[in-house]
Amino acid sequence: MFASGAGSNLQAICDHLDEQRGSAPAEVVLVVSDREDAGALTRARARGVPAIWVPRERSDRLAALLQEHGVTLIALAGYLRLVPPDVVAAYRGRMLNVHPALLPAFGGRGMYGARVHEAVLRSGARVTGPTVHFVDERFDEGAIIAQWPVPVRTDDTPASLGARVLGVEHRIYPWAVSAVAAGSVRLGADGRTEGAPKFDFDVFTPEPRRHPFTG
């Protein structure tokens, strides 16, 4: 897994795999960050998972590092750097990312974190939500694997909206990672996603009993 921040999606994926015990289709064997003080590295070390800081100027090390650790699938979890082309090519169809908006809207270079939610609120959009997608050479343009809608409330701030979207990321991203690892979802030869994650929708907490858009 690649992460730049606190690593909450890393934790959600680890917890999901732990719950499956012996039937899990994957295990986390390496966590990489472009920030030496990233919380994701701390979370990984607490689990006994190798956690390595790779600064931007040393991104040429990534391909060899992944091979050294036997990595076969990569999940980006709040990783703020464009992955080097050689790694993208080597892991085409085996690298995923989660974005905090309904792509193709509100994506692209510089669109991450609070910036995304600020843009959603400025636009007047009434629905947002996370997108899980395959990674290609451009920011947020890979084939979409899964999306889940989150209503935008009239009293939302970037922080409140971001918190709700993140909560849904923690639900759908682990399921999507497991589906790709198990082979039930794949990137087809035509560049489109084949298959779909089979979510247990009972795990989603419904919105409060009020109009989702007016609050």
Protein backbone atom coordinates (compact mmCIF):
# COMPACT_ATOMS: atom_id res chain seq x y z
CA MET A 1 0.00 0.00 0.00
CA PHE A 2 1.09 3.56 -0.77
CA ALA A 3 -0.05 6.31 1.60
CA SER A 4 0.89 9.90 2.39
CA GLY A 5 -1.25 10.61 5.43
CA ALA A 6 -2.69 9.10 8.58
CA GLY A 7 -3.50 5.78 6.94
CA SER A 8 -7.16 5.36 7.89
CA ASN A 9 -7.91 3.53 4.63
CA LEU A 10 -4.87 1.34 5.26
CA GLN A 11 -6.37 0.48 8.63
CA ALA A 12 -9.79 -0.23 7.10
CA ILE A 13 -8.27 -2.62 4.55
CA CYS A 14 -6.17 -4.38 7.19
CA ASP A 15 -9.24 -4.77 9.43
CA HIS A 16 -11.28 -6.15 6.53
CA LEU A 17 -8.61 -8.72 5.68
CA ASP A 18 -8.25 -9.65 9.36
CA GLU A 19 -11.98 -10.34 9.59
CA GLN A 20 -11.68 -12.88 6.76
CA ARG A 21 -8.93 -14.72 8.58
CA GLY A 22 -7.80 -17.74 6.56
CA SER A 23 -10.02 -16.92 3.58
CA ALA A 24 -8.59 -13.46 2.87
CA PRO A 25 -7.48 -13.11 -0.77
CA ALA A 26 -4.52 -10.88 0.13
CA GLU A 27 -2.25 -9.68 2.89
CA VAL A 28 -0.47 -6.37 3.38
CA VAL A 29 3.25 -7.01 2.99
CA LEU A 30 4.61 -3.48 2.49
CA VAL A 31 3.57 0.11 3.17
CA VAL A 32 5.33 2.92 1.31
CA SER A 33 5.02 6.66 1.95
CA ASP A 34 6.52 9.78 0.41
CA ARG A 35 6.38 11.41 3.87
CA GLU A 36 8.75 10.31 6.60
CA ASP A 37 6.28 11.24 9.37
CA ALA A 38 3.17 9.71 7.77
CA GLY A 39 0.83 8.07 10.25
CA ALA A 40 0.40 5.20 7.79
CA LEU A 41 4.00 4.15 8.44
CA THR A 42 3.34 4.11 12.18
CA ARG A 43 0.22 1.97 11.69
CA ALA A 44 2.15 -0.47 9.53
CA ARG A 45 5.04 -0.83 11.97
CA ALA A 46 2.56 -1.47 14.80
CA ARG A 47 1.33 -4.48 12.79
CA GLY A 48 4.84 -5.69 12.03
CA VAL A 49 4.49 -4.77 8.34
CA PRO A 50 7.59 -3.34 6.61
CA ALA A 51 7.08 0.43 6.34
CA ILE A 52 9.42 2.43 4.14
CA TRP A 53 9.79 6.13 3.45
CA VAL A 54 10.60 6.78 -0.20
CA PRO A 55 11.04 10.53 -0.81
CA ARG A 56 9.87 11.95 -4.11
CA GLU A 57 13.38 12.33 -5.47
CA ARG A 58 14.00 8.60 -4.92
CA SER A 59 10.84 7.30 -6.57
CA ASP A 60 13.05 5.42 -9.02
CA ARG A 61 13.54 2.90 -6.16
CA LEU A 62 9.90 1.87 -6.10
CA ALA A 63 9.93 -0.82 -8.80
CA ALA A 64 12.84 -2.69 -7.22
CA LEU A 65 11.36 -2.30 -3.73
CA LEU A 66 8.03 -3.79 -4.80
CA GLN A 67 9.76 -6.72 -6.46
CA GLU A 68 11.92 -7.30 -3.40
CA HIS A 69 8.81 -7.66 -1.22
CA GLY A 70 6.92 -9.84 -3.69
CA VAL A 71 4.13 -7.30 -4.19
CA THR A 72 1.45 -8.39 -6.69
CA LEU A 73 -1.25 -5.77 -6.01
CA ILE A 74 -0.99 -2.11 -5.00
CA ALA A 75 -3.64 -0.05 -3.21
CA LEU A 76 -3.11 3.71 -3.03
CA ALA A 77 -4.59 5.17 0.14
CA GLY A 78 -4.25 8.94 0.15
CA TYR A 79 -0.98 8.79 -1.80
CA LEU A 80 -0.37 12.29 -3.17
CA ARG A 81 2.25 11.55 -5.80
CA LEU A 82 1.84 10.42 -9.38
CA VAL A 83 3.14 6.84 -9.49
CA PRO A 84 6.17 6.47 -11.80
CA PRO A 85 5.34 5.19 -15.31
CA ASP A 86 7.43 2.02 -14.95
CA VAL A 87 5.45 0.99 -11.86
CA VAL A 88 2.12 1.82 -13.51
CA ALA A 89 3.08 -0.30 -16.52
CA ALA A 90 4.25 -3.22 -14.39
CA TYR A 91 1.07 -3.20 -12.26
CA ARG A 92 -1.53 -2.29 -14.87
CA GLY A 93 -4.82 -3.77 -13.72
CA ARG A 94 -3.26 -4.52 -10.34
CA MET A 95 -3.14 -1.02 -8.87
CA LEU A 96 -6.16 0.71 -7.30
CA ASN A 97 -6.90 4.12 -5.86
CA VAL A 98 -9.79 5.68 -3.94
CA HIS A 99 -10.82 9.27 -4.68
CA PRO A 100 -13.20 11.30 -2.46
CA ALA A 101 -15.60 12.37 -5.24
CA LEU A 102 -17.70 10.80 -7.96
CA LEU A 103 -15.26 10.71 -10.86
CA PRO A 104 -14.90 11.97 -13.51
CA ALA A 105 -16.11 15.05 -11.60
CA PHE A 106 -13.74 16.82 -9.19
CA GLY A 107 -10.64 14.84 -10.11
CA GLY A 108 -7.23 15.55 -11.61
CA ARG A 109 -3.97 17.11 -10.53
CA GLY A 110 -4.18 18.99 -7.25
CA MET A 111 -7.62 17.61 -6.37
CA TYR A 112 -7.23 15.81 -3.08
CA GLY A 113 -8.44 16.03 0.51
CA ALA A 114 -10.32 19.18 1.54
CA ARG A 115 -9.79 20.72 -1.90
CA VAL A 116 -12.18 18.17 -3.38
CA HIS A 117 -14.91 18.81 -0.83
CA GLU A 118 -14.51 22.58 -1.14
CA ALA A 119 -14.96 22.27 -4.92
CA VAL A 120 -18.05 20.09 -4.48
CA LEU A 121 -19.65 22.64 -2.15
CA ARG A 122 -18.78 25.57 -4.44
CA SER A 123 -20.34 23.78 -7.39
CA GLY A 124 -23.70 23.34 -5.72
CA ALA A 125 -23.67 19.58 -6.34
CA ARG A 126 -26.22 17.73 -4.24
CA VAL A 127 -24.52 14.32 -4.34
CA THR A 128 -20.88 13.33 -3.96
CA GLY A 129 -19.15 10.17 -2.75
CA PRO A 130 -16.01 8.06 -3.16
CA THR A 131 -14.79 6.35 -6.32
CA VAL A 132 -12.50 3.31 -6.46
CA HIS A 133 -10.68 3.01 -9.77
CA PHE A 134 -7.76 1.35 -11.47
CA VAL A 135 -4.65 3.53 -11.75
CA ASP A 136 -3.21 4.65 -15.07
CA GLU A 137 -0.62 7.25 -16.07
CA ARG A 138 -2.92 10.22 -15.31
CA PHE A 139 -4.48 11.44 -12.09
CA ASP A 140 -7.94 9.95 -11.45
CA GLU A 141 -8.61 8.77 -15.02
CA GLY A 142 -8.37 4.99 -14.68
CA ALA A 143 -11.34 2.66 -15.20
CA ILE A 144 -13.91 2.95 -12.41
CA ILE A 145 -14.46 -0.09 -10.18
CA ALA A 146 -17.03 1.16 -7.67
CA GLN A 147 -18.79 4.31 -6.48
CA TRP A 148 -21.17 5.08 -3.63
CA PRO A 149 -23.33 8.22 -3.33
CA VAL A 150 -23.17 10.52 -0.33
CA PRO A 151 -25.78 13.32 -0.15
CA VAL A 152 -24.49 16.87 0.24
CA ARG A 153 -26.38 18.62 3.03
CA THR A 154 -27.25 22.29 3.06
CA ASP A 155 -25.29 22.84 6.28
CA ASP A 156 -22.20 20.90 5.19
CA THR A 157 -18.67 22.25 5.55
CA PRO A 158 -15.68 20.70 3.78
CA ALA A 159 -14.83 18.99 7.08
CA SER A 160 -18.28 17.53 7.73
CA LEU A 161 -18.72 16.39 4.13
CA GLY A 162 -15.22 14.94 4.05
CA ALA A 163 -15.84 12.96 7.22
CA ARG A 164 -18.94 11.31 5.77
CA VAL A 165 -17.26 10.53 2.47
CA LEU A 166 -14.27 9.06 4.29
CA GLY A 167 -16.57 6.83 6.31
CA VAL A 168 -17.94 5.38 3.07
CA GLU A 169 -14.43 5.01 1.64
CA HIS A 170 -13.64 2.80 4.63
CA ARG A 171 -16.56 0.58 3.60
CA ILE A 172 -16.22 0.22 -0.17
CA TYR A 173 -12.44 0.35 -0.64
CA PRO A 174 -11.61 -2.81 1.33
CA TRP A 175 -14.31 -4.73 -0.55
CA ALA A 176 -12.98 -3.49 -3.90
CA VAL A 177 -9.39 -4.39 -3.01
CA SER A 178 -10.50 -7.88 -2.00
CA ALA A 179 -12.47 -8.30 -5.24
CA VAL A 180 -9.47 -7.39 -7.41
CA ALA A 181 -7.16 -9.57 -5.32
CA ALA A 182 -9.58 -12.51 -5.69
CA GLY A 183 -9.89 -11.99 -9.45
CA SER A 184 -13.64 -11.34 -9.47
CA VAL A 185 -12.95 -7.80 -10.71
CA ARG A 186 -10.35 -7.13 -13.38
CA LEU A 187 -9.24 -4.64 -15.99
CA GLY A 188 -10.29 -5.90 -19.41
CA ALA A 189 -8.26 -5.74 -22.59
CA ASP A 190 -10.48 -2.87 -23.76
CA GLY A 191 -9.49 -0.78 -20.74
CA ARG A 192 -12.86 -1.22 -19.02
CA THR A 193 -13.61 -2.84 -15.69
CA GLU A 194 -14.97 -6.39 -15.82
CA GLY A 195 -17.03 -7.68 -12.89
CA ALA A 196 -18.09 -5.74 -9.81
CA PRO A 197 -17.40 -6.01 -6.07
CA LYS A 198 -20.15 -7.87 -4.22
CA PHE A 199 -20.82 -5.54 -1.33
CA ASP A 200 -22.65 -6.59 1.78
CA PHE A 201 -24.81 -3.47 1.81
CA ASP A 202 -26.08 -4.29 5.29
CA VAL A 203 -22.81 -2.88 6.61
CA PHE A 204 -23.82 0.63 5.50
CA THR A 205 -25.46 2.81 8.11
CA PRO A 206 -28.46 4.56 6.53
CA GLU A 207 -28.75 8.31 6.55
CA PRO A 208 -30.85 9.81 9.39
CA ARG A 209 -34.60 9.88 8.76
CA ARG A 210 -34.74 13.28 7.17
CA HIS A 211 -34.52 14.59 3.64
CA PRO A 212 -30.95 13.77 2.53
CA PHE A 213 -30.43 16.99 0.57
CA THR A 214 -32.19 19.64 2.64
CA GLY A 215 -30.99 18.28 5.99
